[in-house]
Amino acid sequence: METAERFRTAVEKRDLAALDDLFTDDIRLYSPVKFTPFEGKAMVLGLFGVLLRTFEDFRYVGQLDGTAETSADGERAPSEILIFRATVDGRQIHGIDLLQFDEAGRIKEFTVMVRPQSAVQALGQAVLAGLTADGLA
């Protein structure tokens, strides 16, 4: 099973332990609700714990693969885009997860994009509350 498929399965099963094996130690996660990235495996796993509790009716509805320039070094890396739908605080979210991989196939950079703006705001408030409750903010 490829990394993107293993990631998708772990998220759908809400399995944080399975996610741990898929991330590099220095992973960066670019979020639509924060200007600077979340950095490091511990922080990103903590964020995923919050996200898995926050999203309602989360489901992946599509997948695309290719390459993309990484923001860390400007090189092109194998990448997958997972298209998702979810609900947060009664607001429907449409989004994508852009996964970029290292040479061993682990996720080294992760970018989340969501729409519409009202859903981004609801997501930001819910994530901040969750990170604060978990002692991560």
Protein backbone atom coordinates (compact mmCIF):
# COMPACT_ATOMS: atom_id res chain seq x y z
CA MET A 1 0.00 0.00 0.00
CA GLU A 2 1.40 3.39 -0.95
CA THR A 3 1.90 6.15 1.63
CA ALA A 4 -1.08 8.23 0.46
CA GLU A 5 -3.39 5.22 0.68
CA ARG A 6 -2.03 4.31 4.12
CA PHE A 7 -2.53 7.94 5.19
CA ARG A 8 -6.08 7.97 3.87
CA THR A 9 -6.90 4.73 5.70
CA ALA A 10 -5.37 6.00 8.97
CA VAL A 11 -7.38 9.25 8.81
CA GLU A 12 -10.61 7.45 7.95
CA LYS A 13 -10.06 5.05 10.88
CA ARG A 14 -8.91 7.94 13.13
CA ASP A 15 -5.71 5.98 13.86
CA LEU A 16 -3.02 8.39 15.15
CA ALA A 17 -0.52 5.56 15.74
CA ALA A 18 -0.64 4.66 12.05
CA LEU A 19 -0.03 8.31 11.11
CA ASP A 20 3.12 8.41 13.25
CA ASP A 21 4.87 5.93 10.92
CA LEU A 22 4.01 7.99 7.83
CA PHE A 23 5.53 11.35 8.85
CA THR A 24 9.17 12.45 8.77
CA ASP A 25 10.49 13.77 12.09
CA ASP A 26 10.75 17.28 10.60
CA ILE A 27 7.37 17.34 8.82
CA ARG A 28 5.84 20.74 8.09
CA LEU A 29 2.09 21.20 7.90
CA TYR A 30 0.78 24.34 6.20
CA SER A 31 -2.70 25.15 7.46
CA PRO A 32 -5.34 27.57 6.13
CA VAL A 33 -5.83 28.90 9.67
CA LYS A 34 -2.22 29.75 10.56
CA PHE A 35 0.36 31.81 8.66
CA THR A 36 3.41 29.79 9.75
CA PRO A 37 3.54 26.01 9.43
CA PHE A 38 3.11 23.52 12.22
CA GLU A 39 6.54 21.89 12.48
CA GLY A 40 7.78 18.55 13.76
CA LYS A 41 6.12 15.17 14.13
CA ALA A 42 4.91 15.72 17.72
CA MET A 43 3.15 18.98 16.88
CA VAL A 44 1.61 17.66 13.66
CA LEU A 45 0.35 14.51 15.41
CA GLY A 46 -1.13 16.71 18.14
CA LEU A 47 -2.87 18.78 15.49
CA PHE A 48 -4.24 15.64 13.84
CA GLY A 49 -5.65 14.55 17.18
CA VAL A 50 -7.57 17.83 17.30
CA LEU A 51 -8.65 17.63 13.66
CA LEU A 52 -9.94 14.09 13.97
CA ARG A 53 -12.15 15.22 16.86
CA THR A 54 -13.23 18.44 15.07
CA PHE A 55 -14.29 17.20 11.63
CA GLU A 56 -17.73 15.68 11.34
CA ASP A 57 -18.64 13.38 8.46
CA PHE A 58 -15.07 13.55 7.10
CA ARG A 59 -14.54 11.64 3.86
CA TYR A 60 -12.09 11.58 0.98
CA VAL A 61 -13.80 11.87 -2.39
CA GLY A 62 -10.90 11.91 -4.84
CA GLN A 63 -7.16 11.50 -5.36
CA LEU A 64 -4.61 12.94 -7.83
CA ASP A 65 -0.91 12.24 -8.10
CA GLY A 66 2.13 13.94 -9.61
CA THR A 67 4.97 16.15 -8.45
CA ALA A 68 5.17 19.57 -6.84
CA GLU A 69 7.85 22.00 -5.74
CA THR A 70 8.44 21.79 -2.01
CA SER A 71 8.55 25.05 -0.10
CA ALA A 72 11.47 23.83 2.00
CA ASP A 73 14.05 23.42 -0.75
CA GLY A 74 12.48 24.36 -4.10
CA GLU A 75 13.03 20.84 -5.47
CA ARG A 76 10.24 18.82 -7.03
CA ALA A 77 8.98 15.88 -4.99
CA PRO A 78 6.46 13.11 -5.57
CA SER A 79 3.07 14.35 -4.40
CA GLU A 80 -0.54 13.28 -3.96
CA ILE A 81 -3.63 15.41 -3.57
CA LEU A 82 -6.51 13.95 -1.56
CA ILE A 83 -9.83 15.73 -2.05
CA PHE A 84 -12.14 15.77 0.97
CA ARG A 85 -15.50 16.90 2.28
CA ALA A 86 -16.41 17.42 5.92
CA THR A 87 -18.55 19.46 8.29
CA VAL A 88 -17.32 21.75 11.08
CA ASP A 89 -19.78 23.46 13.39
CA GLY A 90 -22.59 22.94 10.88
CA ARG A 91 -20.60 24.35 7.96
CA GLN A 92 -19.77 22.20 4.95
CA ILE A 93 -16.08 22.21 4.01
CA HIS A 94 -14.54 21.34 0.65
CA GLY A 95 -10.81 20.85 0.76
CA ILE A 96 -7.63 19.21 -0.37
CA ASP A 97 -4.66 17.67 1.40
CA LEU A 98 -1.44 18.04 -0.60
CA LEU A 99 1.04 15.39 0.55
CA GLN A 100 4.70 15.65 -0.48
CA PHE A 101 7.06 12.76 0.12
CA ASP A 102 10.72 12.27 0.93
CA GLU A 103 12.94 9.73 -0.84
CA ALA A 104 11.79 6.98 1.57
CA GLY A 105 8.14 7.70 0.77
CA ARG A 106 7.27 9.34 4.09
CA ILE A 107 5.28 12.58 4.24
CA LYS A 108 7.66 15.53 4.67
CA GLU A 109 5.35 18.40 3.77
CA PHE A 110 1.60 18.65 4.08
CA THR A 111 -0.58 21.52 2.86
CA VAL A 112 -4.28 21.83 3.62
CA MET A 113 -6.56 24.11 1.63
CA VAL A 114 -10.26 24.56 2.39
CA ARG A 115 -13.21 26.64 1.27
CA PRO A 116 -15.46 28.58 1.78
CA GLN A 117 -14.18 31.40 4.00
CA SER A 118 -16.91 30.89 6.62
CA ALA A 119 -15.81 27.25 6.99
CA VAL A 120 -12.17 28.33 7.32
CA GLN A 121 -13.17 30.63 10.17
CA ALA A 122 -15.19 27.90 11.92
CA LEU A 123 -12.30 25.46 11.47
CA GLY A 124 -9.79 27.98 12.85
CA GLN A 125 -11.87 28.58 15.97
CA ALA A 126 -12.41 24.86 16.57
CA VAL A 127 -8.74 24.00 16.03
CA LEU A 128 -7.55 26.77 18.35
CA ALA A 129 -9.95 25.59 21.06
CA GLY A 130 -8.74 22.00 20.61
CA LEU A 131 -5.05 22.91 20.63
CA THR A 132 -5.58 25.01 23.75
CA ALA A 133 -7.47 22.19 25.48
CA ASP A 134 -4.64 19.78 24.64
CA GLY A 135 -1.96 22.21 25.85
CA LEU A 136 -0.49 22.68 22.37
CA ALA A 137 -1.29 26.40 21.93
